[in-house]
Amino acid sequence: MAGRQIVVRRAPGTWVMRAAGAVLGETRAALELVEGDYPPVIYFPRADAGWAFLERSTLVTTCPWKGQAAHFHIAERGGLIENAAWSYEVPDPAVSAIREHIAFYPDKATVERI
């Protein structure tokens, strides 16, 4: 991870994820990932995400510091919110804490502390 500062820590409090007017996840075990100058990203434990609303996408992206990310659509009444979430299923050892977690793109879902 030379040249890139990434910090993963617990995000205190209760966090919810909403999309298309519905709560699709809630957790008290969120992680916050801070990477360089990027805004912090909240990762939900996969067990606390609404998997009935998530469908695996064919999109896979690669980050040189975190590994390969699988992407997911959110299925809602009006159709799919495409590639709305991602998960590093086998992350780089330096960020292994985010394994079994999922994050959501802020332009496709709302993640907030309540």
PDB file of N, CA and C in Angstrom:
ATOM      1  N   MET A   1       0.823  -1.187   0.000  1.00  0.00           N
ATOM      2  CA  MET A   1       0.000   0.000   0.000  1.00  0.00           C
ATOM      3  C   MET A   1       0.868   1.252   0.000  1.00  0.00           C
ATOM      4  N   ALA A   2       2.058   1.147  -0.500  1.00  0.00           N
ATOM      5  CA  ALA A   2       2.958   2.290  -0.519  1.00  0.00           C
ATOM      6  C   ALA A   2       2.333   3.455  -1.282  1.00  0.00           C
ATOM      7  N   GLY A   3       2.449   4.642  -0.705  1.00  0.00           N
ATOM      8  CA  GLY A   3       1.953   5.833  -1.358  1.00  0.00           C
ATOM      9  C   GLY A   3       0.472   6.126  -1.145  1.00  0.00           C
ATOM     10  N   ARG A   4      -0.236   5.267  -0.436  1.00  0.00           N
ATOM     11  CA  ARG A   4      -1.670   5.479  -0.238  1.00  0.00           C
ATOM     12  C   ARG A   4      -2.013   5.225   1.219  1.00  0.00           C
ATOM     13  N   GLN A   5      -2.575   6.214   1.884  1.00  0.00           N
ATOM     14  CA  GLN A   5      -2.975   6.077   3.279  1.00  0.00           C
ATOM     15  C   GLN A   5      -4.446   5.694   3.339  1.00  0.00           C
ATOM     16  N   ILE A   6      -4.733   4.511   3.870  1.00  0.00           N
ATOM     17  CA  ILE A   6      -6.109   4.055   4.058  1.00  0.00           C
ATOM     18  C   ILE A   6      -6.271   3.665   5.516  1.00  0.00           C
ATOM     19  N   VAL A   7      -7.317   4.200   6.136  1.00  0.00           N
ATOM     20  CA  VAL A   7      -7.613   3.897   7.535  1.00  0.00           C
ATOM     21  C   VAL A   7      -9.026   3.325   7.590  1.00  0.00           C
ATOM     22  N   VAL A   8      -9.176   2.193   8.285  1.00  0.00           N
ATOM     23  CA  VAL A   8     -10.493   1.589   8.505  1.00  0.00           C
ATOM     24  C   VAL A   8     -10.724   1.570  10.011  1.00  0.00           C
ATOM     25  N   ARG A   9     -11.866   2.115  10.428  1.00  0.00           N
ATOM     26  CA  ARG A   9     -12.195   2.146  11.857  1.00  0.00           C
ATOM     27  C   ARG A   9     -13.703   1.976  12.029  1.00  0.00           C
ATOM     28  N   ARG A  10     -14.112   1.641  13.225  1.00  0.00           N
ATOM     29  CA  ARG A  10     -15.556   1.541  13.519  1.00  0.00           C
ATOM     30  C   ARG A  10     -16.199   2.899  13.370  1.00  0.00           C
ATOM     31  N   ALA A  11     -17.395   2.892  12.825  1.00  0.00           N
ATOM     32  CA  ALA A  11     -18.191   4.113  12.718  1.00  0.00           C
ATOM     33  C   ALA A  11     -19.214   4.066  13.845  1.00  0.00           C
ATOM     34  N   PRO A  12     -19.070   4.898  14.868  1.00  0.00           N
ATOM     35  CA  PRO A  12     -19.981   4.809  16.017  1.00  0.00           C
ATOM     36  C   PRO A  12     -21.420   5.156  15.646  1.00  0.00           C
ATOM     37  N   GLY A  13     -22.339   4.613  16.415  1.00  0.00           N
ATOM     38  CA  GLY A  13     -23.749   4.926  16.238  1.00  0.00           C
ATOM     39  C   GLY A  13     -24.463   3.926  15.354  1.00  0.00           C
ATOM     40  N   THR A  14     -25.701   4.281  15.040  1.00  0.00           N
ATOM     41  CA  THR A  14     -26.541   3.461  14.164  1.00  0.00           C
ATOM     42  C   THR A  14     -26.575   4.104  12.790  1.00  0.00           C
ATOM     43  N   TRP A  15     -26.376   3.298  11.762  1.00  0.00           N
ATOM     44  CA  TRP A  15     -26.348   3.758  10.381  1.00  0.00           C
ATOM     45  C   TRP A  15     -27.456   3.086   9.595  1.00  0.00           C
ATOM     46  N   VAL A  16     -28.074   3.831   8.686  1.00  0.00           N
ATOM     47  CA  VAL A  16     -29.093   3.267   7.800  1.00  0.00           C
ATOM     48  C   VAL A  16     -28.713   3.555   6.349  1.00  0.00           C
ATOM     49  N   MET A  17     -29.206   2.693   5.472  1.00  0.00           N
ATOM     50  CA  MET A  17     -29.062   2.886   4.039  1.00  0.00           C
ATOM     51  C   MET A  17     -30.459   2.878   3.458  1.00  0.00           C
ATOM     52  N   ARG A  18     -30.766   3.913   2.674  1.00  0.00           N
ATOM     53  CA  ARG A  18     -32.080   4.040   2.038  1.00  0.00           C
ATOM     54  C   ARG A  18     -31.897   4.180   0.530  1.00  0.00           C
ATOM     55  N   ALA A  19     -32.845   3.608  -0.192  1.00  0.00           N
ATOM     56  CA  ALA A  19     -32.894   3.798  -1.643  1.00  0.00           C
ATOM     57  C   ALA A  19     -34.344   3.668  -2.073  1.00  0.00           C
ATOM     58  N   ALA A  20     -34.745   4.472  -3.024  1.00  0.00           N
ATOM     59  CA  ALA A  20     -36.105   4.436  -3.568  1.00  0.00           C
ATOM     60  C   ALA A  20     -37.157   4.510  -2.467  1.00  0.00           C
ATOM     61  N   GLY A  21     -36.879   5.304  -1.425  1.00  0.00           N
ATOM     62  CA  GLY A  21     -37.856   5.524  -0.369  1.00  0.00           C
ATOM     63  C   GLY A  21     -37.950   4.440   0.687  1.00  0.00           C
ATOM     64  N   ALA A  22     -37.100   3.432   0.627  1.00  0.00           N
ATOM     65  CA  ALA A  22     -37.172   2.331   1.598  1.00  0.00           C
ATOM     66  C   ALA A  22     -35.842   2.170   2.331  1.00  0.00           C
ATOM     67  N   VAL A  23     -35.915   1.748   3.583  1.00  0.00           N
ATOM     68  CA  VAL A  23     -34.705   1.405   4.343  1.00  0.00           C
ATOM     69  C   VAL A  23     -34.294   0.003   3.917  1.00  0.00           C
ATOM     70  N   LEU A  24     -33.076  -0.119   3.402  1.00  0.00           N
ATOM     71  CA  LEU A  24     -32.578  -1.399   2.907  1.00  0.00           C
ATOM     72  C   LEU A  24     -31.458  -1.968   3.769  1.00  0.00           C
ATOM     73  N   GLY A  25     -31.108  -1.262   4.806  1.00  0.00           N
ATOM     74  CA  GLY A  25     -30.083  -1.759   5.715  1.00  0.00           C
ATOM     75  C   GLY A  25     -29.967  -0.869   6.927  1.00  0.00           C
ATOM     76  N   GLU A  26     -29.663  -1.483   8.055  1.00  0.00           N
ATOM     77  CA  GLU A  26     -29.438  -0.744   9.298  1.00  0.00           C
ATOM     78  C   GLU A  26     -28.411  -1.514  10.116  1.00  0.00           C
ATOM     79  N   THR A  27     -27.474  -0.783  10.727  1.00  0.00           N
ATOM     80  CA  THR A  27     -26.435  -1.457  11.499  1.00  0.00           C
ATOM     81  C   THR A  27     -25.880  -0.568  12.595  1.00  0.00           C
ATOM     82  N   ARG A  28     -25.407  -1.228  13.640  1.00  0.00           N
ATOM     83  CA  ARG A  28     -24.630  -0.562  14.688  1.00  0.00           C
ATOM     84  C   ARG A  28     -23.169  -1.011  14.604  1.00  0.00           C
ATOM     85  N   ALA A  29     -22.823  -1.725  13.528  1.00  0.00           N
ATOM     86  CA  ALA A  29     -21.469  -2.275  13.365  1.00  0.00           C
ATOM     87  C   ALA A  29     -20.820  -1.799  12.070  1.00  0.00           C
ATOM     88  N   ALA A  30     -21.118  -0.570  11.668  1.00  0.00           N
ATOM     89  CA  ALA A  30     -20.553  -0.031  10.430  1.00  0.00           C
ATOM     90  C   ALA A  30     -19.061   0.249  10.589  1.00  0.00           C
ATOM     91  N   LEU A  31     -18.374   0.217   9.452  1.00  0.00           N
ATOM     92  CA  LEU A  31     -16.968   0.623   9.399  1.00  0.00           C
ATOM     93  C   LEU A  31     -16.864   1.866   8.527  1.00  0.00           C
ATOM     94  N   GLU A  32     -15.918   2.727   8.871  1.00  0.00           N
ATOM     95  CA  GLU A  32     -15.637   3.907   8.066  1.00  0.00           C
ATOM     96  C   GLU A  32     -14.262   3.725   7.444  1.00  0.00           C
ATOM     97  N   LEU A  33     -14.185   3.865   6.126  1.00  0.00           N
ATOM     98  CA  LEU A  33     -12.909   3.777   5.421  1.00  0.00           C
ATOM     99  C   LEU A  33     -12.550   5.166   4.933  1.00  0.00           C
ATOM    100  N   VAL A  34     -11.373   5.631   5.314  1.00  0.00           N
ATOM    101  CA  VAL A  34     -10.878   6.934   4.885  1.00  0.00           C
ATOM    102  C   VAL A  34      -9.649   6.667   4.020  1.00  0.00           C
ATOM    103  N   GLU A  35      -9.711   7.173   2.789  1.00  0.00           N
ATOM    104  CA  GLU A  35      -8.646   6.938   1.811  1.00  0.00           C
ATOM    105  C   GLU A  35      -8.183   8.272   1.251  1.00  0.00           C
ATOM    106  N   GLY A  36      -6.978   8.686   1.649  1.00  0.00           N
ATOM    107  CA  GLY A  36      -6.419   9.937   1.139  1.00  0.00           C
ATOM    108  C   GLY A  36      -7.356  11.102   1.350  1.00  0.00           C
ATOM    109  N   ASP A  37      -7.577  11.874   0.290  1.00  0.00           N
ATOM    110  CA  ASP A  37      -8.437  13.061   0.344  1.00  0.00           C
ATOM    111  C   ASP A  37      -9.885  12.782  -0.041  1.00  0.00           C
ATOM    112  N   TYR A  38     -10.215  11.506  -0.302  1.00  0.00           N
ATOM    113  CA  TYR A  38     -11.592  11.159  -0.659  1.00  0.00           C
ATOM    114  C   TYR A  38     -12.509  11.277   0.557  1.00  0.00           C
ATOM    115  N   PRO A  39     -13.803  11.534   0.332  1.00  0.00           N
ATOM    116  CA  PRO A  39     -14.737  11.533   1.475  1.00  0.00           C
ATOM    117  C   PRO A  39     -14.773  10.138   2.108  1.00  0.00           C
ATOM    118  N   PRO A  40     -15.002  10.066   3.420  1.00  0.00           N
ATOM    119  CA  PRO A  40     -15.100   8.754   4.082  1.00  0.00           C
ATOM    120  C   PRO A  40     -16.234   7.926   3.478  1.00  0.00           C
ATOM    121  N   VAL A  41     -16.047   6.607   3.482  1.00  0.00           N
ATOM    122  CA  VAL A  41     -17.056   5.675   2.976  1.00  0.00           C
ATOM    123  C   VAL A  41     -17.488   4.776   4.123  1.00  0.00           C
ATOM    124  N   ILE A  42     -18.797   4.639   4.298  1.00  0.00           N
ATOM    125  CA  ILE A  42     -19.351   3.756   5.323  1.00  0.00           C
ATOM    126  C   ILE A  42     -19.610   2.386   4.704  1.00  0.00           C
ATOM    127  N   TYR A  43     -19.084   1.363   5.358  1.00  0.00           N
ATOM    128  CA  TYR A  43     -19.280  -0.019   4.935  1.00  0.00           C
ATOM    129  C   TYR A  43     -20.193  -0.709   5.941  1.00  0.00           C
ATOM    130  N   PHE A  44     -21.261  -1.333   5.431  1.00  0.00           N
ATOM    131  CA  PHE A  44     -22.209  -2.090   6.252  1.00  0.00           C
ATOM    132  C   PHE A  44     -21.777  -3.548   6.292  1.00  0.00           C
ATOM    133  N   PRO A  45     -21.903  -4.204   7.438  1.00  0.00           N
ATOM    134  CA  PRO A  45     -21.730  -5.658   7.424  1.00  0.00           C
ATOM    135  C   PRO A  45     -22.737  -6.254   6.430  1.00  0.00           C
ATOM    136  N   ARG A  46     -22.285  -7.193   5.635  1.00  0.00           N
ATOM    137  CA  ARG A  46     -23.186  -7.786   4.644  1.00  0.00           C
ATOM    138  C   ARG A  46     -24.421  -8.385   5.321  1.00  0.00           C
ATOM    139  N   ALA A  47     -24.260  -8.882   6.528  1.00  0.00           N
ATOM    140  CA  ALA A  47     -25.391  -9.488   7.251  1.00  0.00           C
ATOM    141  C   ALA A  47     -26.471  -8.459   7.581  1.00  0.00           C
ATOM    142  N   ASP A  48     -26.137  -7.167   7.590  1.00  0.00           N
ATOM    143  CA  ASP A  48     -27.089  -6.117   7.933  1.00  0.00           C
ATOM    144  C   ASP A  48     -27.665  -5.402   6.706  1.00  0.00           C
ATOM    145  N   ALA A  49     -27.326  -5.880   5.515  1.00  0.00           N
ATOM    146  CA  ALA A  49     -27.849  -5.281   4.283  1.00  0.00           C
ATOM    147  C   ALA A  49     -29.054  -6.080   3.809  1.00  0.00           C
ATOM    148  N   GLY A  50     -29.982  -5.417   3.150  1.00  0.00           N
ATOM    149  CA  GLY A  50     -31.195  -6.055   2.663  1.00  0.00           C
ATOM    150  C   GLY A  50     -30.954  -6.817   1.367  1.00  0.00           C
ATOM    151  N   TRP A  51     -30.459  -8.041   1.468  1.00  0.00           N
ATOM    152  CA  TRP A  51     -30.081  -8.819   0.288  1.00  0.00           C
ATOM    153  C   TRP A  51     -31.268  -9.182  -0.594  1.00  0.00           C
ATOM    154  N   ALA A  52     -32.464  -9.107  -0.087  1.00  0.00           N
ATOM    155  CA  ALA A  52     -33.638  -9.352  -0.938  1.00  0.00           C
ATOM    156  C   ALA A  52     -33.745  -8.275  -2.017  1.00  0.00           C
ATOM    157  N   PHE A  53     -33.094  -7.131  -1.814  1.00  0.00           N
ATOM    158  CA  PHE A  53     -33.142  -6.014  -2.747  1.00  0.00           C
ATOM    159  C   PHE A  53     -31.880  -5.870  -3.591  1.00  0.00           C
ATOM    160  N   LEU A  54     -30.898  -6.717  -3.364  1.00  0.00           N
ATOM    161  CA  LEU A  54     -29.614  -6.591  -4.060  1.00  0.00           C
ATOM    162  C   LEU A  54     -29.418  -7.730  -5.051  1.00  0.00           C
ATOM    163  N   GLU A  55     -28.928  -7.383  -6.234  1.00  0.00           N
ATOM    164  CA  GLU A  55     -28.621  -8.362  -7.272  1.00  0.00           C
ATOM    165  C   GLU A  55     -27.194  -8.134  -7.735  1.00  0.00           C
ATOM    166  N   ARG A  56     -26.429  -9.212  -7.821  1.00  0.00           N
ATOM    167  CA  ARG A  56     -25.042  -9.087  -8.288  1.00  0.00           C
ATOM    168  C   ARG A  56     -25.029  -8.589  -9.729  1.00  0.00           C
ATOM    169  N   SER A  57     -24.157  -7.647  -9.985  1.00  0.00           N
ATOM    170  CA  SER A  57     -23.928  -7.094 -11.315  1.00  0.00           C
ATOM    171  C   SER A  57     -22.776  -7.864 -11.970  1.00  0.00           C
ATOM    172  N   THR A  58     -22.595  -7.671 -13.249  1.00  0.00           N
ATOM    173  CA  THR A  58     -21.428  -8.249 -13.918  1.00  0.00           C
ATOM    174  C   THR A  58     -20.196  -7.354 -13.772  1.00  0.00           C
ATOM    175  N   LEU A  59     -20.389  -6.136 -13.264  1.00  0.00           N
ATOM    176  CA  LEU A  59     -19.286  -5.190 -13.131  1.00  0.00           C
ATOM    177  C   LEU A  59     -18.343  -5.605 -12.003  1.00  0.00           C
ATOM    178  N   VAL A  60     -17.064  -5.659 -12.310  1.00  0.00           N
ATOM    179  CA  VAL A  60     -16.009  -5.881 -11.325  1.00  0.00           C
ATOM    180  C   VAL A  60     -14.959  -4.810 -11.580  1.00  0.00           C
ATOM    181  N   THR A  61     -14.578  -4.100 -10.538  1.00  0.00           N
ATOM    182  CA  THR A  61     -13.529  -3.088 -10.657  1.00  0.00           C
ATOM    183  C   THR A  61     -12.361  -3.494  -9.780  1.00  0.00           C
ATOM    184  N   THR A  62     -11.208  -2.910 -10.065  1.00  0.00           N
ATOM    185  CA  THR A  62     -10.008  -3.231  -9.294  1.00  0.00           C
ATOM    186  C   THR A  62      -9.377  -1.959  -8.760  1.00  0.00           C
ATOM    187  N   CYS A  63      -9.104  -1.960  -7.471  1.00  0.00           N
ATOM    188  CA  CYS A  63      -8.356  -0.884  -6.821  1.00  0.00           C
ATOM    189  C   CYS A  63      -6.986  -1.463  -6.469  1.00  0.00           C
ATOM    190  N   PRO A  64      -5.901  -0.788  -6.819  1.00  0.00           N
ATOM    191  CA  PRO A  64      -4.577  -1.339  -6.514  1.00  0.00           C
ATOM    192  C   PRO A  64      -4.287  -1.452  -5.022  1.00  0.00           C
ATOM    193  N   TRP A  65      -5.076  -0.767  -4.179  1.00  0.00           N
ATOM    194  CA  TRP A  65      -4.835  -0.794  -2.740  1.00  0.00           C
ATOM    195  C   TRP A  65      -5.837  -1.635  -1.969  1.00  0.00           C
ATOM    196  N   LYS A  66      -6.980  -1.923  -2.580  1.00  0.00           N
ATOM    197  CA  LYS A  66      -8.015  -2.686  -1.866  1.00  0.00           C
ATOM    198  C   LYS A  66      -8.337  -4.026  -2.523  1.00  0.00           C
ATOM    199  N   GLY A  67      -8.129  -4.162  -3.829  1.00  0.00           N
ATOM    200  CA  GLY A  67      -8.405  -5.409  -4.520  1.00  0.00           C
ATOM    201  C   GLY A  67      -9.563  -5.290  -5.484  1.00  0.00           C
ATOM    202  N   GLN A  68     -10.199  -6.437  -5.800  1.00  0.00           N
ATOM    203  CA  GLN A  68     -11.321  -6.470  -6.733  1.00  0.00           C
ATOM    204  C   GLN A  68     -12.640  -6.268  -6.005  1.00  0.00           C
ATOM    205  N   ALA A  69     -13.473  -5.413  -6.583  1.00  0.00           N
ATOM    206  CA  ALA A  69     -14.784  -5.129  -5.993  1.00  0.00           C
ATOM    207  C   ALA A  69     -15.891  -5.684  -6.887  1.00  0.00           C
ATOM    208  N   ALA A  70     -16.728  -6.515  -6.298  1.00  0.00           N
ATOM    209  CA  ALA A  70     -17.952  -6.962  -6.963  1.00  0.00           C
ATOM    210  C   ALA A  70     -18.987  -5.853  -6.782  1.00  0.00           C
ATOM    211  N   HIS A  71     -19.848  -5.673  -7.778  1.00  0.00           N
ATOM    212  CA  HIS A  71     -20.870  -4.625  -7.721  1.00  0.00           C
ATOM    213  C   HIS A  71     -22.265  -5.235  -7.700  1.00  0.00           C
ATOM    214  N   PHE A  72     -23.211  -4.446  -7.193  1.00  0.00           N
ATOM    215  CA  PHE A  72     -24.576  -4.914  -6.994  1.00  0.00           C
ATOM    216  C   PHE A  72     -25.565  -3.841  -7.420  1.00  0.00           C
ATOM    217  N   HIS A  73     -26.660  -4.284  -8.026  1.00  0.00           N
ATOM    218  CA  HIS A  73     -27.790  -3.417  -8.334  1.00  0.00           C
ATOM    219  C   HIS A  73     -28.746  -3.460  -7.145  1.00  0.00           C
ATOM    220  N   ILE A  74     -29.514  -2.388  -6.978  1.00  0.00           N
ATOM    221  CA  ILE A  74     -30.628  -2.395  -6.030  1.00  0.00           C
ATOM    222  C   ILE A  74     -31.894  -2.583  -6.855  1.00  0.00           C
ATOM    223  N   ALA A  75     -32.636  -3.631  -6.531  1.00  0.00           N
ATOM    224  CA  ALA A  75     -33.913  -3.892  -7.203  1.00  0.00           C
ATOM    225  C   ALA A  75     -35.010  -3.197  -6.414  1.00  0.00           C
ATOM    226  N   GLU A  76     -35.729  -2.309  -7.087  1.00  0.00           N
ATOM    227  CA  GLU A  76     -36.832  -1.601  -6.442  1.00  0.00           C
ATOM    228  C   GLU A  76     -38.025  -1.592  -7.374  1.00  0.00           C
ATOM    229  N   ARG A  77     -39.147  -1.148  -6.885  1.00  0.00           N
ATOM    230  CA  ARG A  77     -40.393  -1.209  -7.658  1.00  0.00           C
ATOM    231  C   ARG A  77     -40.278  -0.655  -9.071  1.00  0.00           C
ATOM    232  N   GLY A  78     -39.538   0.414  -9.211  1.00  0.00           N
ATOM    233  CA  GLY A  78     -39.419   1.053 -10.520  1.00  0.00           C
ATOM    234  C   GLY A  78     -38.389   0.419 -11.438  1.00  0.00           C
ATOM    235  N   GLY A  79     -37.697  -0.592 -10.975  1.00  0.00           N
ATOM    236  CA  GLY A  79     -36.658  -1.237 -11.778  1.00  0.00           C
ATOM    237  C   GLY A  79     -35.373  -1.373 -10.993  1.00  0.00           C
ATOM    238  N   LEU A  80     -34.261  -1.335 -11.695  1.00  0.00           N
ATOM    239  CA  LEU A  80     -32.955  -1.487 -11.048  1.00  0.00           C
ATOM    240  C   LEU A  80     -32.270  -0.139 -10.891  1.00  0.00           C
ATOM    241  N   ILE A  81     -31.638   0.040  -9.750  1.00  0.00           N
ATOM    242  CA  ILE A  81     -30.675   1.125  -9.574  1.00  0.00           C
ATOM    243  C   ILE A  81     -29.341   0.435  -9.835  1.00  0.00           C
ATOM    244  N   GLU A  82     -28.795   0.664 -11.024  1.00  0.00           N
ATOM    245  CA  GLU A  82     -27.658  -0.129 -11.481  1.00  0.00           C
ATOM    246  C   GLU A  82     -26.366   0.219 -10.766  1.00  0.00           C
ATOM    247  N   ASN A  83     -25.624  -0.846 -10.454  1.00  0.00           N
ATOM    248  CA  ASN A  83     -24.294  -0.723  -9.839  1.00  0.00           C
ATOM    249  C   ASN A  83     -24.294   0.283  -8.691  1.00  0.00           C
ATOM    250  N   ALA A  84     -25.215   0.078  -7.766  1.00  0.00           N
ATOM    251  CA  ALA A  84     -25.414   1.005  -6.650  1.00  0.00           C
ATOM    252  C   ALA A  84     -24.516   0.718  -5.456  1.00  0.00           C
ATOM    253  N   ALA A  85     -23.911  -0.473  -5.422  1.00  0.00           N
ATOM    254  CA  ALA A  85     -23.119  -0.873  -4.258  1.00  0.00           C
ATOM    255  C   ALA A  85     -21.925  -1.699  -4.711  1.00  0.00           C
ATOM    256  N   TRP A  86     -20.946  -1.790  -3.828  1.00  0.00           N
ATOM    257  CA  TRP A  86     -19.780  -2.621  -4.118  1.00  0.00           C
ATOM    258  C   TRP A  86     -19.303  -3.302  -2.844  1.00  0.00           C
ATOM    259  N   SER A  87     -18.569  -4.390  -3.030  1.00  0.00           N
ATOM    260  CA  SER A  87     -18.046  -5.147  -1.908  1.00  0.00           C
ATOM    261  C   SER A  87     -16.718  -5.787  -2.310  1.00  0.00           C
ATOM    262  N   TYR A  88     -15.717  -5.620  -1.466  1.00  0.00           N
ATOM    263  CA  TYR A  88     -14.430  -6.285  -1.674  1.00  0.00           C
ATOM    264  C   TYR A  88     -14.521  -7.633  -0.979  1.00  0.00           C
ATOM    265  N   GLU A  89     -14.830  -8.667  -1.740  1.00  0.00           N
ATOM    266  CA  GLU A  89     -15.076  -9.982  -1.152  1.00  0.00           C
ATOM    267  C   GLU A  89     -13.791 -10.650  -0.671  1.00  0.00           C
ATOM    268  N   VAL A  90     -12.677 -10.348  -1.342  1.00  0.00           N
ATOM    269  CA  VAL A  90     -11.357 -10.831  -0.908  1.00  0.00           C
ATOM    270  C   VAL A  90     -10.418  -9.610  -0.964  1.00  0.00           C
ATOM    271  N   PRO A  91     -10.528  -8.727   0.032  1.00  0.00           N
ATOM    272  CA  PRO A  91      -9.740  -7.484  -0.021  1.00  0.00           C
ATOM    273  C   PRO A  91      -8.260  -7.731   0.230  1.00  0.00           C
ATOM    274  N   ASP A  92      -7.474  -6.746  -0.143  1.00  0.00           N
ATOM    275  CA  ASP A  92      -6.055  -6.764   0.173  1.00  0.00           C
ATOM    276  C   ASP A  92      -5.912  -6.914   1.691  1.00  0.00           C
ATOM    277  N   PRO A  93      -4.894  -7.660   2.141  1.00  0.00           N
ATOM    278  CA  PRO A  93      -4.723  -7.857   3.590  1.00  0.00           C
ATOM    279  C   PRO A  93      -4.655  -6.558   4.406  1.00  0.00           C
ATOM    280  N   ALA A  94      -4.168  -5.479   3.810  1.00  0.00           N
ATOM    281  CA  ALA A  94      -4.058  -4.210   4.538  1.00  0.00           C
ATOM    282  C   ALA A  94      -5.416  -3.627   4.909  1.00  0.00           C
ATOM    283  N   VAL A  95      -6.478  -4.038   4.197  1.00  0.00           N
ATOM    284  CA  VAL A  95      -7.829  -3.550   4.485  1.00  0.00           C
ATOM    285  C   VAL A  95      -8.778  -4.724   4.725  1.00  0.00           C
ATOM    286  N   SER A  96      -8.266  -5.770   5.305  1.00  0.00           N
ATOM    287  CA  SER A  96      -9.051  -7.004   5.495  1.00  0.00           C
ATOM    288  C   SER A  96     -10.302  -6.788   6.343  1.00  0.00           C
ATOM    289  N   ALA A  97     -10.361  -5.722   7.118  1.00  0.00           N
ATOM    290  CA  ALA A  97     -11.536  -5.451   7.955  1.00  0.00           C
ATOM    291  C   ALA A  97     -12.798  -5.248   7.126  1.00  0.00           C
ATOM    292  N   ILE A  98     -12.662  -4.839   5.848  1.00  0.00           N
ATOM    293  CA  ILE A  98     -13.860  -4.587   5.040  1.00  0.00           C
ATOM    294  C   ILE A  98     -14.394  -5.849   4.364  1.00  0.00           C
ATOM    295  N   ARG A  99     -13.741  -6.972   4.586  1.00  0.00           N
ATOM    296  CA  ARG A  99     -14.276  -8.236   4.060  1.00  0.00           C
ATOM    297  C   ARG A  99     -15.645  -8.471   4.701  1.00  0.00           C
ATOM    298  N   GLU A 100     -16.580  -9.015   3.946  1.00  0.00           N
ATOM    299  CA  GLU A 100     -17.955  -9.258   4.414  1.00  0.00           C
ATOM    300  C   GLU A 100     -18.705  -7.956   4.707  1.00  0.00           C
ATOM    301  N   HIS A 101     -18.305  -6.867   4.021  1.00  0.00           N
ATOM    302  CA  HIS A 101     -18.980  -5.572   4.133  1.00  0.00           C
ATOM    303  C   HIS A 101     -19.355  -5.083   2.739  1.00  0.00           C
ATOM    304  N   ILE A 102     -20.300  -4.160   2.693  1.00  0.00           N
ATOM    305  CA  ILE A 102     -20.767  -3.590   1.433  1.00  0.00           C
ATOM    306  C   ILE A 102     -20.943  -2.085   1.606  1.00  0.00           C
ATOM    307  N   ALA A 103     -20.624  -1.343   0.552  1.00  0.00           N
ATOM    308  CA  ALA A 103     -20.762   0.112   0.561  1.00  0.00           C
ATOM    309  C   ALA A 103     -21.648   0.533  -0.612  1.00  0.00           C
ATOM    310  N   PHE A 104     -22.198   1.730  -0.514  1.00  0.00           N
ATOM    311  CA  PHE A 104     -23.174   2.207  -1.492  1.00  0.00           C
ATOM    312  C   PHE A 104     -22.730   3.548  -2.069  1.00  0.00           C
ATOM    313  N   TYR A 105     -22.925   3.719  -3.368  1.00  0.00           N
ATOM    314  CA  TYR A 105     -22.578   4.977  -4.025  1.00  0.00           C
ATOM    315  C   TYR A 105     -23.544   6.068  -3.570  1.00  0.00           C
ATOM    316  N   PRO A 106     -23.014   7.229  -3.151  1.00  0.00           N
ATOM    317  CA  PRO A 106     -23.877   8.283  -2.601  1.00  0.00           C
ATOM    318  C   PRO A 106     -24.857   8.886  -3.599  1.00  0.00           C
ATOM    319  N   ASP A 107     -24.614   8.739  -4.892  1.00  0.00           N
ATOM    320  CA  ASP A 107     -25.565   9.262  -5.876  1.00  0.00           C
ATOM    321  C   ASP A 107     -26.673   8.254  -6.197  1.00  0.00           C
ATOM    322  N   LYS A 108     -26.602   7.065  -5.569  1.00  0.00           N
ATOM    323  CA  LYS A 108     -27.592   6.021  -5.855  1.00  0.00           C
ATOM    324  C   LYS A 108     -28.336   5.554  -4.607  1.00  0.00           C
ATOM    325  N   ALA A 109     -27.804   5.868  -3.439  1.00  0.00           N
ATOM    326  CA  ALA A 109     -28.422   5.484  -2.171  1.00  0.00           C
ATOM    327  C   ALA A 109     -28.002   6.499  -1.112  1.00  0.00           C
ATOM    328  N   THR A 110     -28.795   6.595  -0.061  1.00  0.00           N
ATOM    329  CA  THR A 110     -28.484   7.500   1.048  1.00  0.00           C
ATOM    330  C   THR A 110     -28.011   6.682   2.237  1.00  0.00           C
ATOM    331  N   VAL A 111     -26.831   7.007   2.724  1.00  0.00           N
ATOM    332  CA  VAL A 111     -26.279   6.367   3.914  1.00  0.00           C
ATOM    333  C   VAL A 111     -26.139   7.468   4.956  1.00  0.00           C
ATOM    334  N   GLU A 112     -26.741   7.237   6.128  1.00  0.00           N
ATOM    335  CA  GLU A 112     -26.674   8.279   7.165  1.00  0.00           C
ATOM    336  C   GLU A 112     -26.694   7.680   8.558  1.00  0.00           C
ATOM    337  N   ARG A 113     -26.105   8.428   9.463  1.00  0.00           N
ATOM    338  CA  ARG A 113     -26.139   8.073  10.876  1.00  0.00           C
ATOM    339  C   ARG A 113     -27.417   8.605  11.467  1.00  0.00           C
ATOM    340  N   ILE A 114     -28.112   7.763  12.252  1.00  0.00           N
ATOM    341  CA  ILE A 114     -29.360   8.227  12.865  1.00  0.00           C
ATOM    342  C   ILE A 114     -29.221   8.259  14.383  1.00  0.00           C
TER     343      ILE A 114
END
